[in-house]
Amino acid sequence: MNQYLDISPEVKEALESGRPVVALESTIISHGMPYPRNVETALTVEQTIRDNGAVPATIAVIGGRLKAGLTRDEIEYLGKTGRAVAKASRRDLPALVARGLDGATTVTTTMIIANLAGIRVFATGGIGGVHRGAEVTMDISADLEELAQTPVMVICAGAKSILDLGLTLEYLETKGVPVIGYGTDELPAFYTRESGFSVDYRADSPEELAAMFKAQRALGYKGGMLVTNPIPEEYSMDKAVIDKAIDDAIADAEALGIKGKETTPFLLAKIVELTGGDSLESNIKLVLNNAALAAKTAAKI
């Protein structure tokens, strides 16, 4: 076991006994929602995984320790501390560990720590990707590189619709990352079920997803697999409404000079404001939907 890694007793017992485990990120707790909604959502997502037959492993960095499986008190701490907790990407882990600091894990660092712990399935909201205007800014999420090199299945509602979805798919293709649509041939766009872009393959059951992932591992691929699970129809937002909110939020970010890792939290918060809170409700529902699918899939791997 890695000298900096702590696996909770519940997760450790599940892994040793071959029970399914699903990793969860912690950025959504500290940076994604206000307190106490963030803590309530995190605990509900964990319960959803349990209700679907798997063990949840919420992941974070606390006091320089890589945590696979948090206590309720630790989740509460992250929720109350909020944005004062560093948003930790791959580049941040060595410094946080060496200095004994806290970090909320992104898709990238959740994949890293999950892999260290031996967890193969991870449920999140949406992945990062190629930002609009990246041909000038070079703003490309580290999530895409991690998917290319870390053997974890990531189940999400597609790439966040604030991104350039076409370029994000092109980047994943270049890196050899399979993009699988669950029950769909089209890439979901986080808040909505449609994007106008096609996925690589379609799967219609957790068994199919598990079979693809096991084949990928058996073939010796070093990278992961991206499963895109559309937001449930009843919670999908009107595409015209969300597209306008995104365009307005991006314009505000550009006017304020917001760049780098602050871009996504700013845009998502602004979209919540512009949609009167509707986007936050959709966000929560899609995360719960992904957690349920992840638990069912982990049970088949």
Foldseek 3Di string as FASTA:
>chain_A
DDPQEDEDPVRVVCVVVVFFEAEEFFCCQQQVDAPPVSLVLVVVLQVLLVVLGGGYFYWWAAQLGTGGRDDSVVSVVSNVCHPVAAADAPVCNVVCNVRRGIHTYALHVSLVNCQVVVHAEYEYEAHEAAAPVCVPVVAGDCNLVQQLAGAHEYEYQAHALNGDRVVRLVSNVVSVAAEEEAVDQARGHRLAGHDPHGGPYYDDALLVVLVVSVVCVVVPRRGYYYYHYHQPPVLRDDPVQLVVQSVVQVVVCVVVVPDDPVNVSSSSVSSCVSVVNSSVVSSSRRSSVRSSSRSRNSNND
